[in-house]
Every structure is written in structure tokens, then in C-alpha cells.
Amino acid sequence: MSETPRQGAVNGREFRLFWFGETTSLFGNGIAVVALPLVAVLTLHADTLVVGLLTSVAYLPWLILGLPAGAWVDRLPRRPVMLVCDAVSFVAFASVPVAAWADVLTIPHLLLAAFVGGCANVFFTTAQRAYLPTLLLDEELLAGNARLQGSESTAEVTGPGLAGLLVQAFGAVAGLLANALSFVVSWLCLRAIRTTEPPPPQVPRRRLRTEVGDGLRFLFRDPILRTLAIFSAVSNIALTGLSSIEVAFLVRTVGVGEAVVGGVLTLCGLGGLLGVLLSHRMSRRHGTARAALLCQVGAAPFTLLFPMTGPGAGLVYFVAGGVGAGAGVVAASIITDTFRQRYCPPGLIGRISASAAVISFGAIAVGGLLGGALGDAFGVRETLWTMSGLQVLSTAILVFSPIRKLRDFPESARAVIPAADEKAVS
């Protein structure tokens, strides 16, 4: 009788299934990033505030559910959690084209679909980050994260262009149907994985608030994790403030059509692919901590090109800004995600990841709302200037932190768990 597959390499069957399912889902998300605001702008004639609100409500669940989600994920097998999330996401996003074809789609329905999809994403993302070390050994995590980030970057390159074509050919809601179907593929791939997942640590059940506190304490007591979390929050407010109104900016201020919007965002996505290539090379040459710092500091000034965008040749500013900012941010994300997966104790990884994600993704909810509100009140271009300036200033958090003194991030804290947290994983 053959053994059930366990941890392996990035070229093994189990990771390839996981990677393919995730890649398909990411392509769907890449389409939805453009399709969702286009449905609001073209089908429902929503204003800039509503367009920004769509981004905000999609990430609002991180503020509501993020912390308890980490504790729940640490109590449960991770793969079943992800399967349920895929099913919920399918229903949420498939409901939009169904309602549109029945001529009953409304802005509240669109916002509700984004919110429900966001709730599912909270649990899926938290479970996925804790599940990946089940499929790969520590030495394979950087390569695995690079492949997943490469898929995300590829999706960001092709998704917007495909969304523009789908919208022109079949209507604005067609992109959301494609996104819904991508969750079906992800579900099927997860179901086919045979790797035995270790059971959750057998610890006495305590109050949820106490378990949540374990993750928060570990995060905020650690100077590196704390710095990364705070920087991520400020940076995400700025970057989401930019991205939440970029479609409205290109369509209404610059005056380009749906296909051009998709093409411009596709070219911007090339920066993510460049970031995937840079992450490993930068880490080897400069060290992981120094590479992450250089990538973020080098990327930030490129965001100042976004508000300089104009029609025709002026679109080059937007593309250059997207490529430069995307390359640095993606490369740094691969490096820091791998650091967290290696560094955090297995019994706390769900709660630590969720605590960091609440700060990071909660800031996305704030950024989306802020971008839409400021764009509606003061003008879209003026808001782009404000948010790009904030992104440049946010790098000071890293520059004046303990990270600037490091060449490499520490490999593991698994043998150095604070006394208060040892009880949680013993």
C-alpha cells in the first residue's frame, strides 16, 4: 500500500494542483478587479464614492472577522476551510450576472456580493498561508511563494485586458461570471490534493478572545513583524486609495474606453512579473531584509507618475508608474511572506498571519473608502497626488526601523517563543 503524499517539492503533484487552482482563481480576481468597477460605472452609473466603496466593502470583513478567523483556522483543518470559501465565493459573484440578466441588479446587491466575497476571502487567505507549509518544506517555501506571486502578477497582466474584451463583447457583468467560475476550478483542485494535513495542535480550548490575543502579542512584541505590519497598513491605505479610483480616473478624467483601460492595466501588471524575477536575485545579492527594504523604497516614487497621466502619449506615465511600483511591491511581498512562514511558530501561524492581515487588509478597506470620498470631494487627480505622496512618506517607517540594520531576516523564531505564547502551542 502506497503512502499518502506529504510535504514535497514545488514540482510535485500536490503543489502543482494547489498552484493551478490558485492561478485560475487569481485570473478570475484579475478580471473582477476591472469588471466590478466597470459594472458600477457603466451598468449602474455609480459615482466615484460608490466605486471606492466597492473596494472598501470587499476588505471590510478583515476588520470584522480577521482576528477571530485566525483563531478558528488554527483550530480547524485548513483545506476544508478553503473548500467552503471557494463555494461561498462562487455563489456571491455568480449572483451578480444572474441579477443583471434578470434586470434586477442594484448597487446594494453589488456591494453585498463584494462584502460576502470579502468574508470568504478572509478565511481562505488565512487558511492558505497556514496550509502552504503543509505542502512544502521550509527550503521550498520561497520558490513556492514566488510561483504563487508569479501567477498573481500574470493574472494582473492578462486579467484587466481580458476583462476589457469581455465587457466590450458580452457586457460588463460577463467578467464577474468568469470570476465565479474560477472558484469552481480552485475547489476541484483542492479536492484532488492527497497530502495528509497534520491535525491542529491539541491544546485546551480557551476563550476565543484569549487565543486571538496570543497572535496579537506575538506580532506586536516582535520588532520586525510589528514594523512590517505598520508599514503595510500605511502603504495599503495609499496604494488602495490609488487603485480604487484608477478605473474612474482613466474613464472619466483621462477619457479612454473600456478596452484601453484593460490594456493600460495589463501593461502595469508587467511590473508584478518583473518583481517575481527580482525577488530571488535581490535576496541572494543583498540579503532578504535589505532586498525588501530596497524594493519598497525604490518602488514608492513611481506612484508619483500616476496623477501626471493624460490622454494619448500621456498614458505612458500611468504605465511607467504601474510597472515601477508593481515590481518593487511584489518583490518585497514575496520576500516578507516567506519570512513570516518560516519565522512564525506552527501553532500560532494562523493567528499571527490573521493579526497582520487585519492591520494590512483593514487598511485597504480604509484606503478604498478614503480614495472614493476624497475623489468625490476634491477631484480624482488631486486624490492621486495625495495618495502617491503618502506612499512615498510611508517608506520612512522601514528606513527608520530595526530592519535597516539587517542583511537577512532571521530564519526562525520557533525555538524562541515568548513565555506567554509557549502555553498556546505546548
Protein backbone atom coordinates (compact mmCIF):
# COMPACT_ATOMS: atom_id res chain seq x y z
CA MET A 1 0.00 0.00 0.00
CA SER A 2 1.48 3.35 -1.07
CA GLU A 3 1.99 6.14 1.40
CA THR A 4 -0.16 9.23 1.31
CA PRO A 5 1.86 12.12 -0.15
CA ARG A 6 3.20 14.54 2.41
CA GLN A 7 5.46 17.58 2.14
CA GLY A 8 7.36 17.79 -1.12
CA ALA A 9 8.82 19.98 -3.81
CA VAL A 10 7.30 22.74 -5.90
CA ASN A 11 7.41 20.37 -8.89
CA GLY A 12 5.40 17.67 -7.11
CA ARG A 13 1.79 16.78 -7.95
CA GLU A 14 0.25 18.20 -4.77
CA PHE A 15 1.73 21.66 -5.02
CA ARG A 16 1.06 21.80 -8.76
CA LEU A 17 -2.63 21.10 -8.13
CA PHE A 18 -2.72 23.79 -5.46
CA TRP A 19 -0.85 26.20 -7.72
CA PHE A 20 -3.12 25.57 -10.71
CA GLY A 21 -6.27 26.10 -8.67
CA GLU A 22 -4.89 29.26 -7.13
CA THR A 23 -3.71 30.55 -10.51
CA THR A 24 -7.16 30.06 -12.04
CA SER A 25 -8.80 31.84 -9.13
CA LEU A 26 -6.27 34.67 -9.37
CA PHE A 27 -7.07 35.09 -13.06
CA GLY A 28 -10.71 35.42 -12.09
CA ASN A 29 -9.80 38.03 -9.50
CA GLY A 30 -7.68 39.88 -12.06
CA ILE A 31 -10.74 40.11 -14.29
CA ALA A 32 -13.01 41.13 -11.40
CA VAL A 33 -10.71 43.99 -10.36
CA VAL A 34 -11.70 45.76 -13.58
CA ALA A 35 -15.11 44.20 -14.16
CA LEU A 36 -16.57 45.12 -10.76
CA PRO A 37 -16.00 48.90 -11.03
CA LEU A 38 -16.99 48.79 -14.72
CA VAL A 39 -20.33 47.23 -13.75
CA ALA A 40 -20.78 50.06 -11.25
CA VAL A 41 -19.73 52.80 -13.70
CA LEU A 42 -21.27 51.54 -16.96
CA THR A 43 -24.28 49.45 -15.90
CA LEU A 44 -25.39 51.19 -12.70
CA HIS A 45 -23.90 54.67 -13.45
CA ALA A 46 -22.40 54.90 -9.96
CA ASP A 47 -20.41 57.92 -8.79
CA THR A 48 -16.77 57.91 -7.64
CA LEU A 49 -17.71 57.40 -3.99
CA VAL A 50 -19.56 54.16 -4.77
CA VAL A 51 -16.65 52.90 -6.91
CA GLY A 52 -14.28 53.47 -4.00
CA LEU A 53 -16.79 51.90 -1.62
CA LEU A 54 -16.72 48.67 -3.65
CA THR A 55 -13.06 48.22 -2.76
CA SER A 56 -13.71 49.19 0.83
CA VAL A 57 -16.54 46.71 1.48
CA ALA A 58 -14.54 43.88 -0.10
CA TYR A 59 -11.85 44.34 2.57
CA LEU A 60 -14.08 45.49 5.44
CA PRO A 61 -14.50 41.84 6.58
CA TRP A 62 -10.84 41.83 7.60
CA LEU A 63 -11.66 44.40 10.27
CA ILE A 64 -14.70 42.43 11.44
CA LEU A 65 -13.61 38.80 11.07
CA GLY A 66 -9.85 38.83 10.63
CA LEU A 67 -8.78 38.26 14.24
CA PRO A 68 -11.30 35.51 15.13
CA ALA A 69 -10.66 33.92 11.72
CA GLY A 70 -7.03 33.35 12.69
CA ALA A 71 -8.05 31.57 15.90
CA TRP A 72 -10.68 29.46 14.12
CA VAL A 73 -8.24 28.48 11.37
CA ASP A 74 -5.70 27.36 13.99
CA ARG A 75 -8.40 25.09 15.45
CA LEU A 76 -9.53 23.55 12.14
CA PRO A 77 -8.05 21.62 9.21
CA ARG A 78 -7.12 24.27 6.63
CA ARG A 79 -8.16 22.57 3.37
CA PRO A 80 -11.87 22.12 4.30
CA VAL A 81 -11.98 25.80 5.26
CA MET A 82 -10.67 26.77 1.81
CA LEU A 83 -13.18 24.48 0.07
CA VAL A 84 -16.13 26.14 1.85
CA CYS A 85 -14.73 29.58 1.00
CA ASP A 86 -14.50 28.73 -2.71
CA ALA A 87 -18.14 27.60 -2.70
CA VAL A 88 -19.34 30.77 -0.95
CA SER A 89 -17.35 32.99 -3.34
CA PHE A 90 -18.84 31.24 -6.35
CA VAL A 91 -22.40 31.88 -5.15
CA ALA A 92 -21.67 35.52 -4.27
CA PHE A 93 -20.14 36.51 -7.62
CA ALA A 94 -22.41 34.34 -9.78
CA SER A 95 -25.41 36.15 -8.30
CA VAL A 96 -24.38 39.43 -9.98
CA PRO A 97 -24.70 38.36 -13.64
CA VAL A 98 -27.86 36.40 -12.79
CA ALA A 99 -29.41 39.54 -11.28
CA ALA A 100 -28.23 41.69 -14.19
CA TRP A 101 -29.74 39.35 -16.78
CA ALA A 102 -32.99 39.40 -14.79
CA ASP A 103 -32.76 43.22 -14.82
CA VAL A 104 -32.87 43.44 -11.01
CA LEU A 105 -29.22 44.28 -10.27
CA THR A 106 -28.77 47.20 -7.86
CA ILE A 107 -25.85 48.96 -6.20
CA PRO A 108 -26.70 47.39 -2.78
CA HIS A 109 -26.60 43.94 -4.44
CA LEU A 110 -23.19 44.71 -5.94
CA LEU A 111 -21.89 45.92 -2.59
CA LEU A 112 -23.31 42.85 -0.82
CA ALA A 113 -21.63 40.49 -3.31
CA ALA A 114 -18.31 42.24 -2.76
CA PHE A 115 -18.79 42.02 1.02
CA VAL A 116 -19.70 38.31 1.05
CA GLY A 117 -16.80 37.53 -1.29
CA GLY A 118 -14.58 39.51 1.07
CA CYS A 119 -15.74 37.45 4.07
CA ALA A 120 -14.87 34.24 2.24
CA ASN A 121 -11.50 35.73 1.26
CA VAL A 122 -10.64 36.41 4.93
CA PHE A 123 -10.90 32.74 5.84
CA PHE A 124 -9.40 31.47 2.57
CA THR A 125 -6.32 33.70 2.75
CA THR A 126 -5.72 32.94 6.43
CA ALA A 127 -6.07 29.20 5.84
CA GLN A 128 -3.95 29.27 2.67
CA ARG A 129 -0.98 30.91 4.37
CA ALA A 130 -1.10 28.34 7.15
CA TYR A 131 -1.64 25.46 4.68
CA LEU A 132 1.28 26.10 2.32
CA PRO A 133 3.93 24.81 4.80
CA THR A 134 1.94 21.54 4.80
CA LEU A 135 2.67 21.08 1.09
CA LEU A 136 6.28 22.32 1.03
CA LEU A 137 9.39 22.01 3.14
CA ASP A 138 10.92 25.18 4.59
CA GLU A 139 13.59 25.33 1.91
CA GLU A 140 10.90 25.19 -0.79
CA LEU A 141 8.72 27.99 0.60
CA LEU A 142 10.49 30.87 -1.18
CA ALA A 143 10.16 29.09 -4.54
CA GLY A 144 6.53 28.22 -3.80
CA ASN A 145 5.65 31.77 -2.82
CA ALA A 146 7.44 33.07 -5.91
CA ARG A 147 5.34 30.81 -8.14
CA LEU A 148 2.12 31.86 -6.45
CA GLN A 149 3.10 35.52 -6.70
CA GLY A 150 4.12 34.97 -10.31
CA SER A 151 0.64 33.64 -11.01
CA GLU A 152 -0.89 36.65 -9.29
CA SER A 153 1.28 39.01 -11.31
CA THR A 154 0.48 37.19 -14.56
CA ALA A 155 -3.19 37.43 -13.69
CA GLU A 156 -2.77 41.15 -13.09
CA VAL A 157 -1.17 41.43 -16.53
CA THR A 158 -3.76 39.48 -18.51
CA GLY A 159 -6.85 39.85 -16.32
CA PRO A 160 -7.60 43.53 -16.99
CA GLY A 161 -7.12 43.12 -20.74
CA LEU A 162 -9.37 40.09 -20.79
CA ALA A 163 -11.90 41.97 -18.67
CA GLY A 164 -11.94 44.82 -21.19
CA LEU A 165 -12.53 42.38 -24.06
CA LEU A 166 -15.26 40.54 -22.16
CA VAL A 167 -17.00 43.80 -21.29
CA GLN A 168 -16.92 45.01 -24.90
CA ALA A 169 -18.09 41.67 -26.31
CA PHE A 170 -20.59 40.41 -23.72
CA GLY A 171 -21.33 43.27 -21.33
CA ALA A 172 -19.92 44.44 -18.02
CA VAL A 173 -21.21 41.52 -15.92
CA ALA A 174 -19.51 38.82 -18.04
CA GLY A 175 -16.24 39.37 -16.20
CA LEU A 176 -17.88 38.59 -12.86
CA LEU A 177 -19.27 35.32 -14.26
CA ALA A 178 -15.72 34.36 -15.30
CA ASN A 179 -14.55 35.18 -11.77
CA ALA A 180 -17.28 32.99 -10.27
CA LEU A 181 -16.31 30.02 -12.46
CA SER A 182 -12.67 30.37 -11.41
CA PHE A 183 -13.67 29.44 -7.86
CA VAL A 184 -15.10 26.17 -9.17
CA VAL A 185 -11.72 25.26 -10.65
CA SER A 186 -9.98 26.17 -7.40
CA TRP A 187 -12.44 23.97 -5.46
CA LEU A 188 -11.86 20.98 -7.75
CA CYS A 189 -8.06 21.28 -7.47
CA LEU A 190 -8.16 21.49 -3.69
CA ARG A 191 -10.40 18.40 -3.56
CA ALA A 192 -7.84 16.44 -5.61
CA ILE A 193 -4.91 17.09 -3.22
CA ARG A 194 -3.94 13.94 -1.29
CA THR A 195 -1.34 15.35 1.11
CA THR A 196 -2.09 14.45 4.71
CA GLU A 197 -2.61 17.62 6.69
CA PRO A 198 -1.29 17.47 10.27
CA PRO A 199 -4.10 17.76 12.82
CA PRO A 200 -4.37 21.10 14.63
CA PRO A 201 -2.30 21.21 17.85
CA GLN A 202 -4.12 19.56 20.75
CA VAL A 203 -4.38 22.43 23.20
CA PRO A 204 -7.04 23.12 25.81
CA ARG A 205 -9.86 25.16 24.37
CA ARG A 206 -9.84 28.65 25.77
CA ARG A 207 -11.92 31.71 25.16
CA LEU A 208 -11.66 32.99 21.61
CA ARG A 209 -10.51 36.37 22.86
CA THR A 210 -7.58 34.75 24.68
CA GLU A 211 -6.47 32.80 21.61
CA VAL A 212 -6.73 35.90 19.43
CA GLY A 213 -4.59 37.74 21.97
CA ASP A 214 -1.79 35.16 21.58
CA GLY A 215 -1.35 36.09 17.92
CA LEU A 216 -1.54 39.82 18.58
CA ARG A 217 1.00 39.65 21.41
CA PHE A 218 3.48 37.71 19.31
CA LEU A 219 3.08 40.18 16.43
CA PHE A 220 3.48 43.36 18.45
CA ARG A 221 6.26 42.08 20.70
CA ASP A 222 8.41 41.22 17.70
CA PRO A 223 10.08 44.38 16.32
CA ILE A 224 10.36 43.04 12.74
CA LEU A 225 6.81 41.73 12.45
CA ARG A 226 5.50 44.89 14.10
CA THR A 227 7.37 47.15 11.69
CA LEU A 228 6.17 45.23 8.64
CA ALA A 229 2.57 45.34 9.87
CA ILE A 230 2.59 49.10 10.49
CA PHE A 231 4.27 49.84 7.16
CA SER A 232 1.83 47.57 5.35
CA ALA A 233 -1.12 49.43 6.89
CA VAL A 234 0.04 52.90 5.83
CA SER A 235 1.22 51.70 2.42
CA ASN A 236 -2.06 49.89 1.73
CA ILE A 237 -4.10 52.98 2.54
CA ALA A 238 -2.08 54.86 -0.07
CA LEU A 239 -1.98 52.15 -2.73
CA THR A 240 -5.66 51.28 -2.35
CA GLY A 241 -6.60 54.94 -2.41
CA LEU A 242 -4.87 54.99 -5.80
CA SER A 243 -6.20 51.72 -7.20
CA SER A 244 -9.79 52.14 -6.01
CA ILE A 245 -10.33 55.13 -8.29
CA GLU A 246 -7.96 54.28 -11.17
CA VAL A 247 -10.73 52.95 -13.43
CA ALA A 248 -12.89 56.02 -12.80
CA PHE A 249 -9.83 58.24 -13.37
CA LEU A 250 -8.95 56.62 -16.70
CA VAL A 251 -12.54 56.54 -17.98
CA ARG A 252 -13.85 59.89 -16.75
CA THR A 253 -10.81 62.15 -16.27
CA VAL A 254 -8.42 60.89 -18.93
CA GLY A 255 -11.26 59.90 -21.27
CA VAL A 256 -10.29 56.43 -22.51
CA GLY A 257 -12.56 53.49 -23.37
CA GLU A 258 -13.01 50.12 -21.67
CA ALA A 259 -10.54 48.27 -23.93
CA VAL A 260 -7.85 50.92 -23.36
CA VAL A 261 -8.41 50.73 -19.59
CA GLY A 262 -7.85 46.98 -19.77
CA GLY A 263 -4.76 47.43 -21.93
CA VAL A 264 -3.21 50.05 -19.66
CA LEU A 265 -3.78 47.98 -16.53
CA THR A 266 -2.42 44.93 -18.35
CA LEU A 267 0.83 46.76 -19.09
CA CYS A 268 1.00 47.94 -15.47
CA GLY A 269 0.78 44.32 -14.38
CA LEU A 270 4.10 43.60 -16.09
CA GLY A 271 5.69 45.18 -13.04
CA GLY A 272 4.48 42.29 -10.93
CA LEU A 273 6.16 39.77 -13.23
CA LEU A 274 9.36 41.78 -13.02
CA GLY A 275 9.04 41.72 -9.23
CA VAL A 276 8.84 37.92 -9.23
CA LEU A 277 12.11 37.76 -11.14
CA LEU A 278 13.73 40.34 -8.89
CA SER A 279 12.80 38.79 -5.54
CA HIS A 280 15.20 35.84 -5.66
CA ARG A 281 18.05 37.75 -7.28
CA MET A 282 17.77 40.67 -4.89
CA SER A 283 17.63 38.31 -1.90
CA ARG A 284 20.77 36.47 -2.97
CA ARG A 285 22.72 39.60 -3.77
CA HIS A 286 21.69 41.91 -0.93
CA GLY A 287 20.13 39.63 1.71
CA THR A 288 16.42 39.19 2.39
CA ALA A 289 15.90 42.13 4.77
CA ARG A 290 17.97 44.56 2.74
CA ALA A 291 16.32 43.46 -0.52
CA ALA A 292 12.82 44.01 0.89
CA LEU A 293 13.83 47.49 2.08
CA LEU A 294 15.43 48.45 -1.24
CA CYS A 295 12.43 47.22 -3.22
CA GLN A 296 9.89 49.21 -1.21
CA VAL A 297 11.95 52.40 -1.10
CA GLY A 298 12.71 52.15 -4.81
CA ALA A 299 9.09 51.49 -5.78
CA ALA A 300 7.41 54.33 -3.91
CA PRO A 301 8.48 57.30 -6.11
CA PHE A 302 6.97 55.63 -9.19
CA THR A 303 3.48 56.24 -7.78
CA LEU A 304 4.04 59.98 -8.33
CA LEU A 305 3.68 59.31 -12.06
CA PHE A 306 0.01 58.28 -11.81
CA PRO A 307 -1.51 61.76 -11.36
CA MET A 308 0.65 63.06 -14.26
CA THR A 309 -1.30 60.85 -16.69
CA GLY A 310 -3.02 62.43 -19.69
CA PRO A 311 -4.70 61.22 -22.90
CA GLY A 312 -2.72 59.72 -25.76
CA ALA A 313 1.00 59.63 -25.07
CA GLY A 314 0.28 60.82 -21.54
CA LEU A 315 -0.81 57.28 -20.68
CA VAL A 316 2.89 56.37 -20.60
CA TYR A 317 3.09 57.99 -17.15
CA PHE A 318 0.44 55.65 -15.80
CA VAL A 319 2.07 52.57 -17.29
CA ALA A 320 5.55 53.53 -16.07
CA GLY A 321 4.18 54.18 -12.59
CA GLY A 322 2.40 50.85 -12.53
CA VAL A 323 5.40 48.86 -13.73
CA GLY A 324 7.88 50.51 -11.36
CA ALA A 325 5.66 50.44 -8.28
CA GLY A 326 4.42 46.93 -9.01
CA ALA A 327 7.91 45.46 -9.43
CA GLY A 328 9.13 46.70 -6.07
CA VAL A 329 6.00 45.94 -4.09
CA VAL A 330 5.65 42.40 -5.47
CA ALA A 331 9.32 41.54 -4.93
CA ALA A 332 9.17 42.79 -1.33
CA SER A 333 5.90 40.90 -0.71
CA ILE A 334 7.40 37.57 -1.82
CA ILE A 335 10.38 38.06 0.48
CA THR A 336 8.37 39.12 3.54
CA ASP A 337 5.65 36.45 3.08
CA THR A 338 8.32 33.76 3.01
CA PHE A 339 9.95 35.27 6.10
CA ARG A 340 6.69 35.07 8.06
CA GLN A 341 6.02 31.45 7.07
CA ARG A 342 9.49 30.38 8.19
CA TYR A 343 9.61 32.58 11.27
CA CYS A 344 6.25 32.07 12.98
CA PRO A 345 5.61 29.07 15.27
CA PRO A 346 3.33 26.50 13.54
CA GLY A 347 0.78 26.55 16.37
CA LEU A 348 0.40 30.32 16.09
CA ILE A 349 0.87 30.92 12.38
CA GLY A 350 -2.85 31.28 11.63
CA ARG A 351 -3.38 33.82 14.39
CA ILE A 352 -0.19 35.77 13.64
CA SER A 353 -1.00 35.86 9.91
CA ALA A 354 -4.55 36.94 10.64
CA SER A 355 -3.39 39.66 13.04
CA ALA A 356 -1.02 41.05 10.41
CA ALA A 357 -3.70 40.72 7.73
CA VAL A 358 -6.28 42.58 9.81
CA ILE A 359 -3.92 45.52 10.02
CA SER A 360 -2.87 45.26 6.37
CA PHE A 361 -6.20 44.44 4.70
CA GLY A 362 -8.19 46.54 7.15
CA ALA A 363 -6.14 49.46 5.87
CA ILE A 364 -7.25 48.51 2.34
CA ALA A 365 -10.86 49.00 3.42
CA VAL A 366 -9.93 52.43 4.79
CA GLY A 367 -7.96 53.28 1.65
CA GLY A 368 -10.79 52.34 -0.69
CA LEU A 369 -13.30 54.44 1.22
CA LEU A 370 -10.85 57.33 1.58
CA GLY A 371 -9.94 57.29 -2.10
CA GLY A 372 -13.57 57.34 -3.17
CA ALA A 373 -14.56 60.05 -0.68
CA LEU A 374 -11.61 62.33 -1.47
CA GLY A 375 -12.07 61.81 -5.20
CA ASP A 376 -15.72 62.77 -4.92
CA ALA A 377 -15.00 65.80 -2.72
CA PHE A 378 -11.79 67.25 -4.17
CA GLY A 379 -11.25 65.62 -7.55
CA VAL A 380 -9.73 62.36 -8.73
CA ARG A 381 -6.38 63.73 -9.89
CA GLU A 382 -5.90 65.65 -6.65
CA THR A 383 -6.59 62.45 -4.71
CA LEU A 384 -3.99 60.59 -6.74
CA TRP A 385 -1.39 63.20 -5.79
CA THR A 386 -2.31 62.88 -2.11
CA MET A 387 -2.14 59.09 -2.06
CA SER A 388 1.11 58.85 -4.04
CA GLY A 389 2.71 61.33 -1.63
CA LEU A 390 1.56 59.23 1.31
CA GLN A 391 3.12 56.13 -0.27
CA VAL A 392 6.50 57.88 -0.57
CA LEU A 393 6.32 59.04 3.06
CA SER A 394 5.36 55.56 4.29
CA THR A 395 8.81 54.19 3.43
CA ALA A 396 10.23 56.18 6.35
CA ILE A 397 8.67 53.52 8.62
CA LEU A 398 11.07 50.95 7.15
CA VAL A 399 14.07 53.24 6.79
CA PHE A 400 14.00 54.23 10.48
CA SER A 401 13.26 50.73 11.79
CA PRO A 402 15.46 47.85 13.04
CA ILE A 403 15.17 46.30 9.56
CA ARG A 404 17.64 48.81 8.11
CA LYS A 405 20.39 47.25 10.26
CA LEU A 406 19.77 43.71 9.00
CA ARG A 407 21.16 41.98 5.93
CA ASP A 408 18.85 38.98 6.26
CA PHE A 409 15.63 38.33 8.12
CA PRO A 410 16.01 35.75 10.91
CA GLU A 411 15.14 32.23 9.75
CA SER A 412 13.03 31.04 12.67
CA ALA A 413 11.55 32.06 15.99
CA ARG A 414 10.23 28.57 16.65
CA ALA A 415 12.70 27.96 19.43
CA VAL A 416 12.35 31.44 20.88
CA ILE A 417 8.66 31.77 21.69
CA PRO A 418 7.78 34.29 24.42
CA ALA A 419 6.73 32.61 27.67
CA ALA A 420 3.16 33.81 27.34
CA ASP A 421 2.90 32.14 23.95
CA GLU A 422 4.55 28.85 24.88
CA LYS A 423 1.37 27.88 26.69
CA ALA A 424 -0.58 28.40 23.50
CA VAL A 425 1.48 25.91 21.50
CA SER A 426 2.66 23.46 24.18
